[in-house]
N, C-alpha and C. Protein backbone atom coordinates (compact mmCIF):
# COMPACT_ATOMS: atom_id res chain seq x y z
N MET A 1 253.18 163.44 229.54
CA MET A 1 252.36 164.68 229.23
C MET A 1 250.89 164.24 230.03
N LYS A 2 250.41 163.17 229.34
CA LYS A 2 248.93 162.65 229.42
C LYS A 2 249.07 162.49 231.12
N THR A 3 250.13 161.61 231.49
CA THR A 3 249.92 161.27 233.08
C THR A 3 249.56 163.10 233.96
N GLN A 4 250.65 163.81 233.49
CA GLN A 4 250.44 164.94 234.24
C GLN A 4 249.08 165.49 234.38
N LYS A 5 248.56 165.60 232.94
CA LYS A 5 247.27 166.09 233.12
C LYS A 5 246.11 165.14 234.06
N ILE A 6 246.00 163.91 234.10
CA ILE A 6 245.10 162.63 234.64
C ILE A 6 245.72 163.26 236.16
N VAL A 7 246.76 163.75 236.74
CA VAL A 7 247.27 163.54 238.07
C VAL A 7 246.58 165.25 238.36
N ILE A 8 246.87 165.79 237.43
CA ILE A 8 246.25 167.35 237.86
C ILE A 8 244.72 167.07 237.92
N ILE A 9 244.14 166.43 237.55
CA ILE A 9 242.47 166.52 237.22
C ILE A 9 242.32 165.68 238.68
N PHE A 10 242.97 164.76 239.05
CA PHE A 10 242.21 164.00 240.36
C PHE A 10 242.58 165.14 241.56
N LEU A 11 243.88 165.38 241.39
CA LEU A 11 244.11 166.37 242.54
C LEU A 11 242.93 167.50 242.51
N LEU A 12 242.78 168.04 241.50
CA LEU A 12 241.72 169.20 241.37
C LEU A 12 240.15 168.40 241.98
N LEU A 13 240.13 167.17 241.66
CA LEU A 13 238.77 166.58 241.87
C LEU A 13 238.82 166.50 243.74
N ALA A 14 240.05 165.86 244.20
CA ALA A 14 240.52 165.73 245.80
C ALA A 14 240.03 166.96 246.40
N THR A 15 240.68 168.13 245.98
CA THR A 15 240.54 169.12 246.14
C THR A 15 239.30 170.20 246.63
N VAL A 16 238.43 169.70 245.39
CA VAL A 16 237.00 170.11 245.24
C VAL A 16 236.11 169.51 246.49
N ALA A 17 236.27 168.31 246.42
CA ALA A 17 235.69 167.08 247.11
C ALA A 17 235.82 166.74 248.59
N GLN A 18 236.91 167.64 249.04
CA GLN A 18 237.15 166.89 250.32
C GLN A 18 235.97 167.34 251.49
N GLY A 19 235.81 166.54 252.28
CA GLY A 19 234.63 166.61 252.85
C GLY A 19 233.39 166.36 252.23
N GLN A 20 233.23 166.28 251.16
CA GLN A 20 232.26 165.51 250.03
C GLN A 20 231.90 164.25 250.29
N ILE A 21 230.49 163.88 249.89
CA ILE A 21 230.27 162.70 249.61
C ILE A 21 230.36 162.32 248.15
N ILE A 22 231.69 161.19 248.07
CA ILE A 22 231.85 161.26 246.67
C ILE A 22 231.55 159.71 246.04
N GLN A 23 230.93 159.49 244.96
CA GLN A 23 230.53 157.91 244.51
C GLN A 23 230.13 157.82 243.22
N PRO A 24 230.75 157.03 242.36
CA PRO A 24 230.76 156.99 241.13
C PRO A 24 228.85 156.86 240.82
N LYS A 25 228.63 157.62 239.78
CA LYS A 25 227.25 157.54 239.09
C LYS A 25 226.49 156.75 237.90
N TYR A 26 227.77 156.92 236.97
CA TYR A 26 227.47 156.04 235.91
C TYR A 26 228.94 155.79 235.15
N VAL A 27 228.77 155.21 234.20
CA VAL A 27 229.95 154.65 233.13
C VAL A 27 229.19 154.71 232.03
N PHE A 28 229.94 154.98 230.65
CA PHE A 28 229.28 154.74 229.63
C PHE A 28 230.23 154.70 228.50
N GLY A 29 229.87 153.96 227.44
CA GLY A 29 231.30 153.85 226.42
C GLY A 29 229.75 153.30 225.03
N GLY A 30 230.43 153.88 223.79
CA GLY A 30 229.74 153.36 222.84
C GLY A 30 230.42 153.98 221.42
N VAL A 31 229.40 153.78 220.23
CA VAL A 31 229.86 154.34 218.98
C VAL A 31 228.97 155.73 219.11
N ASN A 32 230.03 156.76 217.99
CA ASN A 32 229.67 158.15 217.86
C ASN A 32 229.59 158.48 216.73
N PHE A 33 228.81 159.38 216.23
CA PHE A 33 228.59 159.85 215.17
C PHE A 33 228.45 161.34 215.02
N ALA A 34 228.82 161.99 214.19
CA ALA A 34 228.67 163.61 214.18
C ALA A 34 228.89 164.15 212.73
N ARG A 35 227.89 164.85 212.49
CA ARG A 35 227.85 165.52 211.43
C ARG A 35 228.03 166.96 211.48
N SER A 36 229.14 167.68 210.54
CA SER A 36 229.64 168.72 210.62
C SER A 36 229.86 169.57 209.24
N GLY A 37 229.91 170.92 209.00
CA GLY A 37 230.32 171.57 207.74
C GLY A 37 231.65 171.52 207.31
N LEU A 38 232.70 171.35 208.33
CA LEU A 38 234.09 171.24 207.93
C LEU A 38 234.53 171.89 206.99
N HIS A 39 234.14 173.24 206.53
CA HIS A 39 234.10 174.16 205.71
C HIS A 39 235.78 174.28 205.40
N GLY A 40 236.65 174.39 205.99
CA GLY A 40 238.22 174.63 205.62
C GLY A 40 238.41 173.41 205.07
N ILE A 41 238.29 172.29 205.58
CA ILE A 41 238.71 170.97 205.00
C ILE A 41 237.83 170.73 203.43
N ASN A 42 236.61 171.16 203.39
CA ASN A 42 235.83 170.76 202.13
C ASN A 42 236.44 171.98 201.25
N ARG A 43 237.21 173.23 201.48
CA ARG A 43 237.71 174.30 200.49
C ARG A 43 238.68 173.87 199.72
N TRP A 44 239.57 173.00 200.90
CA TRP A 44 241.23 172.31 200.49
C TRP A 44 240.37 171.09 199.25
N VAL A 45 239.43 170.35 199.47
CA VAL A 45 238.93 169.15 198.56
C VAL A 45 238.23 169.82 197.39
N ASP A 46 237.92 171.24 197.57
CA ASP A 46 237.15 171.49 196.18
C ASP A 46 238.59 172.23 195.23
N GLY A 47 239.37 172.69 196.01
CA GLY A 47 240.39 173.28 195.40
C GLY A 47 241.38 172.12 194.18
N TYR A 48 241.52 170.93 195.23
CA TYR A 48 242.07 169.70 194.87
C TYR A 48 241.60 169.54 193.63
N ASN A 49 240.17 169.19 193.60
CA ASN A 49 239.16 168.74 192.41
C ASN A 49 239.47 169.60 191.15
N SER A 50 239.77 170.73 191.73
CA SER A 50 239.28 171.96 190.28
C SER A 50 239.93 171.50 189.26
N ASP A 51 241.21 170.96 189.30
CA ASP A 51 241.89 170.63 188.05
C ASP A 51 242.24 169.07 188.14
N PRO A 52 241.61 168.29 187.72
CA PRO A 52 241.77 166.67 187.44
C PRO A 52 243.25 166.13 186.99
N ASN A 53 243.82 167.33 186.19
CA ASN A 53 245.24 166.84 185.35
C ASN A 53 246.10 167.05 186.88
N LYS A 54 247.15 165.98 187.13
CA LYS A 54 248.03 166.22 188.21
C LYS A 54 249.39 165.96 187.61
N ILE A 55 250.27 166.09 188.55
CA ILE A 55 251.84 166.01 188.25
C ILE A 55 251.82 164.34 187.61
N ASP A 56 252.75 164.44 186.62
CA ASP A 56 253.18 163.75 185.43
C ASP A 56 252.06 162.89 184.83
N GLY A 57 250.88 164.03 184.19
CA GLY A 57 250.14 163.76 183.52
C GLY A 57 249.34 162.74 183.97
N TRP A 58 249.12 162.39 185.38
CA TRP A 58 247.65 161.44 185.80
C TRP A 58 246.50 162.26 185.85
N ILE A 59 245.53 161.70 185.34
CA ILE A 59 244.19 162.28 185.43
C ILE A 59 243.48 161.73 186.44
N MET A 60 242.48 162.37 187.07
CA MET A 60 241.88 161.77 188.42
C MET A 60 240.60 161.31 187.55
N ASP A 61 240.18 159.79 187.82
CA ASP A 61 239.19 159.37 187.38
C ASP A 61 238.07 159.59 188.30
N GLU A 62 238.01 159.75 189.72
CA GLU A 62 237.04 159.64 190.68
C GLU A 62 237.47 161.10 191.41
N ASN A 63 236.72 162.27 191.46
CA ASN A 63 236.96 163.14 192.45
C ASN A 63 237.17 162.70 194.08
N LEU A 64 237.89 163.44 194.52
CA LEU A 64 237.52 163.57 196.37
C LEU A 64 235.96 164.20 196.75
N THR A 65 235.19 163.72 197.42
CA THR A 65 234.15 164.12 197.83
C THR A 65 234.38 164.92 199.37
N ASP A 66 233.15 165.60 199.34
CA ASP A 66 233.37 166.08 200.83
C ASP A 66 233.01 165.63 201.88
N ILE A 67 233.84 166.28 202.99
CA ILE A 67 233.91 165.19 204.26
C ILE A 67 232.90 165.93 205.01
N HIS A 68 231.86 165.48 205.41
CA HIS A 68 230.47 166.09 206.56
C HIS A 68 230.24 164.83 207.80
N CYS A 69 230.73 163.91 207.41
CA CYS A 69 230.14 163.04 208.72
C CYS A 69 231.44 162.27 209.56
N LEU A 70 231.73 162.08 210.57
CA LEU A 70 232.55 161.30 211.03
C LEU A 70 231.98 160.71 212.23
N SER A 71 232.56 159.70 212.43
CA SER A 71 232.02 158.43 213.31
C SER A 71 233.43 157.89 214.13
N GLY A 72 232.91 157.42 215.17
CA GLY A 72 233.90 156.74 216.13
C GLY A 72 233.62 156.11 217.22
N ILE A 73 234.41 156.37 218.27
CA ILE A 73 234.06 155.93 219.70
C ILE A 73 233.87 156.82 220.61
N THR A 74 233.25 156.93 221.89
CA THR A 74 232.78 157.86 222.97
C THR A 74 232.92 157.09 224.41
N PHE A 75 233.50 157.45 224.96
CA PHE A 75 233.21 157.10 226.81
C PHE A 75 233.66 157.95 227.55
N GLY A 76 233.22 157.50 228.98
CA GLY A 76 232.81 158.89 229.84
C GLY A 76 232.10 158.26 231.00
N ALA A 77 232.29 159.33 232.14
CA ALA A 77 231.60 158.59 232.92
C ALA A 77 231.36 159.80 234.05
N GLY A 78 230.50 159.55 235.32
CA GLY A 78 230.33 160.80 236.15
C GLY A 78 230.19 160.36 237.62
N ILE A 79 231.30 161.42 238.44
CA ILE A 79 231.10 161.07 239.82
C ILE A 79 230.20 162.01 240.87
N GLY A 80 229.70 161.75 241.51
CA GLY A 80 228.75 162.42 242.21
C GLY A 80 229.63 162.96 243.19
N ILE A 81 229.09 164.14 243.40
CA ILE A 81 230.49 164.89 244.49
C ILE A 81 229.02 165.73 245.21
N ASP A 82 228.35 165.55 246.55
CA ASP A 82 227.59 166.07 246.98
C ASP A 82 226.16 165.63 246.45
N LYS A 83 225.58 166.85 245.82
CA LYS A 83 224.44 166.80 245.28
C LYS A 83 224.77 166.54 243.45
N GLY A 84 225.81 167.10 243.34
CA GLY A 84 225.91 167.26 241.85
C GLY A 84 226.94 166.26 241.50
N ILE A 85 227.16 166.31 240.23
CA ILE A 85 227.55 165.47 239.08
C ILE A 85 228.66 165.99 238.22
N PHE A 86 230.44 165.56 238.41
CA PHE A 86 231.06 165.99 237.64
C PHE A 86 231.37 164.75 236.65
N ASP A 87 231.26 165.13 235.40
CA ASP A 87 230.99 164.43 234.25
C ASP A 87 232.23 164.69 233.17
N PHE A 88 232.93 163.90 232.82
CA PHE A 88 234.13 163.87 231.53
C PHE A 88 233.86 162.65 230.93
N THR A 89 233.86 163.20 229.38
CA THR A 89 234.14 162.55 228.43
C THR A 89 235.18 162.36 227.30
N TYR A 90 235.28 161.50 226.81
CA TYR A 90 236.39 161.37 225.72
C TYR A 90 235.92 160.78 224.20
N SER A 91 235.91 161.51 223.26
CA SER A 91 235.55 161.17 221.87
C SER A 91 236.51 160.98 220.76
N LYS A 92 236.47 159.96 220.09
CA LYS A 92 237.63 159.85 219.00
C LYS A 92 237.01 159.41 217.75
N ARG A 93 236.68 160.25 216.56
CA ARG A 93 236.04 160.31 215.60
C ARG A 93 237.06 160.61 214.21
N GLN A 94 236.47 160.14 213.17
CA GLN A 94 237.38 160.53 211.93
C GLN A 94 236.07 160.04 210.43
N GLY A 95 236.80 160.43 209.47
CA GLY A 95 235.93 160.74 208.23
C GLY A 95 236.87 160.47 207.31
N GLN A 96 236.82 159.88 206.15
CA GLN A 96 237.58 159.77 204.95
C GLN A 96 237.17 159.73 203.56
N ASN A 97 237.85 160.02 202.58
CA ASN A 97 237.59 160.01 201.37
C ASN A 97 238.69 159.42 200.36
N VAL A 98 238.23 159.03 199.29
CA VAL A 98 239.24 158.45 198.19
C VAL A 98 238.99 159.18 196.81
N ALA A 99 240.28 159.53 196.26
CA ALA A 99 240.12 160.03 194.69
C ALA A 99 240.96 158.86 193.84
N HIS A 100 240.72 158.43 192.78
CA HIS A 100 241.33 157.48 192.24
C HIS A 100 241.53 158.08 190.81
N TYR A 101 242.87 157.32 190.19
CA TYR A 101 243.67 157.63 189.36
C TYR A 101 244.03 156.48 188.48
N SER A 102 244.41 156.80 187.04
CA SER A 102 244.35 155.51 186.23
C SER A 102 245.25 155.47 185.28
N ILE A 103 245.66 156.91 184.97
CA ILE A 103 246.54 156.79 183.98
C ILE A 103 248.00 156.87 184.49
N THR A 104 248.78 156.52 183.92
CA THR A 104 250.11 155.92 184.02
C THR A 104 249.99 154.73 184.59
N GLU A 105 249.68 154.68 185.65
CA GLU A 105 249.53 153.53 186.96
C GLU A 105 248.10 153.73 187.44
N GLU A 106 247.89 152.71 187.97
CA GLU A 106 246.46 152.79 189.10
C GLU A 106 246.91 153.41 190.52
N SER A 107 246.36 154.24 190.86
CA SER A 107 246.86 154.72 192.14
C SER A 107 245.57 155.39 192.83
N GLU A 108 245.46 155.44 194.24
CA GLU A 108 244.55 156.26 195.04
C GLU A 108 245.37 157.47 196.17
N PHE A 109 244.50 158.21 196.07
CA PHE A 109 244.69 159.71 197.00
C PHE A 109 243.44 159.34 198.16
N LYS A 110 244.15 159.36 199.43
CA LYS A 110 243.20 159.23 200.47
C LYS A 110 243.44 160.07 201.08
N LEU A 111 242.39 160.77 201.65
CA LEU A 111 242.38 162.24 202.70
C LEU A 111 241.70 161.64 204.07
N MET A 112 242.04 161.75 205.00
CA MET A 112 241.14 160.95 206.27
C MET A 112 241.70 162.57 207.18
N TYR A 113 240.37 162.85 208.01
CA TYR A 113 240.38 163.95 209.44
C TYR A 113 240.09 163.22 210.17
N LYS A 114 240.91 163.40 211.38
CA LYS A 114 240.24 162.92 212.88
C LYS A 114 240.08 163.70 213.68
N THR A 115 239.37 163.68 214.59
CA THR A 115 239.36 164.45 215.79
C THR A 115 239.31 163.89 217.34
N ARG A 116 239.93 164.69 217.84
CA ARG A 116 239.86 163.87 219.53
C ARG A 116 239.02 165.11 220.50
N THR A 117 238.17 164.73 221.25
CA THR A 117 237.71 165.61 222.22
C THR A 117 237.55 165.23 223.54
N LEU A 118 237.94 165.75 224.57
CA LEU A 118 237.80 165.54 226.06
C LEU A 118 237.10 166.91 226.70
N GLY A 119 236.28 166.34 227.34
CA GLY A 119 235.34 167.17 228.13
C GLY A 119 235.13 166.76 229.23
N PHE A 120 234.84 168.07 230.50
CA PHE A 120 234.69 168.26 231.78
C PHE A 120 233.23 169.29 231.79
N GLY A 121 232.44 168.46 232.77
CA GLY A 121 231.39 169.14 233.23
C GLY A 121 230.95 169.04 234.64
N TYR A 122 229.98 169.98 235.31
CA TYR A 122 229.59 169.84 236.47
C TYR A 122 227.84 169.88 236.23
N LEU A 123 227.31 168.84 236.92
CA LEU A 123 225.68 168.97 236.48
C LEU A 123 225.04 169.36 238.37
N MET A 124 224.19 170.08 238.21
CA MET A 124 223.46 169.94 239.38
C MET A 124 221.93 169.62 239.21
N PRO A 125 221.09 169.21 239.94
CA PRO A 125 219.72 168.59 239.99
C PRO A 125 218.80 169.79 239.98
N ILE A 126 217.89 169.49 238.74
CA ILE A 126 217.06 170.94 239.06
C ILE A 126 215.67 170.23 239.66
N SER A 127 215.39 168.80 239.13
CA SER A 127 214.20 168.24 239.54
C SER A 127 214.10 166.79 239.68
N GLU A 128 213.17 165.96 240.54
CA GLU A 128 213.61 164.60 240.81
C GLU A 128 212.36 164.23 240.57
N PHE A 129 211.94 163.36 239.57
CA PHE A 129 210.82 162.67 239.05
C PHE A 129 210.43 161.35 239.63
N SER A 130 211.46 160.86 240.14
CA SER A 130 211.43 159.57 240.91
C SER A 130 212.79 159.11 241.83
N PRO A 131 213.00 158.36 242.48
CA PRO A 131 214.46 158.38 243.03
C PRO A 131 215.40 157.67 241.99
N LYS A 132 215.16 157.16 240.73
CA LYS A 132 215.85 156.58 239.64
C LYS A 132 216.13 157.52 238.68
N LEU A 133 215.05 158.50 238.59
CA LEU A 133 215.15 159.53 237.82
C LEU A 133 214.85 161.10 237.74
N LYS A 134 216.10 161.52 237.54
CA LYS A 134 216.33 163.45 238.00
C LYS A 134 216.58 163.84 236.71
N SER A 135 216.58 165.21 236.83
CA SER A 135 216.68 165.92 235.57
C SER A 135 218.00 167.06 236.23
N TYR A 136 218.64 166.93 235.15
CA TYR A 136 220.01 167.63 235.69
C TYR A 136 220.55 169.15 234.60
N PHE A 137 221.34 170.44 235.32
CA PHE A 137 221.12 171.50 234.58
C PHE A 137 222.94 171.52 234.91
N GLY A 138 223.67 172.19 233.91
CA GLY A 138 224.81 172.48 234.51
C GLY A 138 225.67 172.96 233.12
N ILE A 139 227.21 172.74 233.36
CA ILE A 139 228.07 173.34 232.21
C ILE A 139 229.13 172.23 231.78
N HIS A 140 229.31 172.33 230.71
CA HIS A 140 230.49 171.44 230.01
C HIS A 140 231.19 171.90 229.03
N LEU A 141 232.70 171.66 229.23
CA LEU A 141 233.60 172.39 228.44
C LEU A 141 234.15 171.22 227.80
N ASP A 142 234.48 171.38 226.41
CA ASP A 142 235.26 170.78 225.48
C ASP A 142 236.50 170.86 225.06
N PHE A 143 237.38 170.26 224.73
CA PHE A 143 238.69 170.61 224.18
C PHE A 143 238.60 169.71 222.69
N SER A 144 239.13 170.26 221.74
CA SER A 144 239.17 169.32 220.60
C SER A 144 240.53 169.37 219.81
N LYS A 145 240.85 168.41 219.54
CA LYS A 145 241.97 168.23 218.33
C LYS A 145 241.67 167.53 217.12
N GLY A 146 241.99 168.46 215.89
CA GLY A 146 241.72 168.06 214.73
C GLY A 146 242.95 167.83 213.78
N SER A 147 242.82 166.78 213.07
CA SER A 147 244.44 166.39 212.59
C SER A 147 243.80 165.69 210.76
N LEU A 148 244.38 166.10 209.92
CA LEU A 148 244.54 166.00 208.87
C LEU A 148 245.63 165.21 208.28
N SER A 149 245.26 163.84 207.59
CA SER A 149 246.25 163.18 207.00
C SER A 149 246.13 162.99 205.51
N THR A 150 247.45 162.57 204.46
CA THR A 150 246.97 162.22 203.27
C THR A 150 247.76 160.93 203.29
N ILE A 151 247.28 160.08 202.46
CA ILE A 151 248.12 158.82 201.66
C ILE A 151 248.05 158.66 200.34
N PHE A 152 248.93 158.34 199.83
CA PHE A 152 248.98 158.18 198.31
C PHE A 152 249.74 157.11 198.10
N SER A 153 248.81 155.99 197.43
CA SER A 153 249.44 154.72 197.31
C SER A 153 249.35 154.42 195.54
N ALA A 154 250.18 153.71 195.01
CA ALA A 154 250.19 153.48 193.79
C ALA A 154 250.38 151.81 193.46
N TRP A 155 250.37 151.32 192.38
CA TRP A 155 250.42 150.17 192.10
C TRP A 155 250.66 149.72 190.58
N TYR A 156 250.93 149.12 189.99
CA TYR A 156 251.83 149.37 188.69
C TYR A 156 251.09 148.16 188.16
N THR A 157 250.25 148.28 186.69
CA THR A 157 249.30 147.09 186.38
C THR A 157 250.20 146.52 184.71
């Protein structure tokens, strides 16, 4: 499925860019940090924390905290098409927290939220300060997918 999407993107680029001057403009990669409310997930966390007594008499010693910050990696590239730039980016971020229990056995409950974002944009120059420094304006469309997972681990003391 991913291969089909990549082929479609390149076919679209080839169709749009036919007869145009195409050249690589930039490639980047690095660490990514985002802060968000994540209200739906944090409502679930509040509900989970509302009663510290769990199944089999386990009592939560340390509550789950709200997730607000996600960190991860990002990379992208820009391809010059005539005067404009076709930009694409990919980001993968995650945030997690842990609740601890200590009655009948030592255990922890881990909650992890991950996002993956794929973005496409097209930029046109609006001003040129020097041959190496230009100002661009354009549109960018991002597609995000989030996933929530839980891990419960216990060890006997």
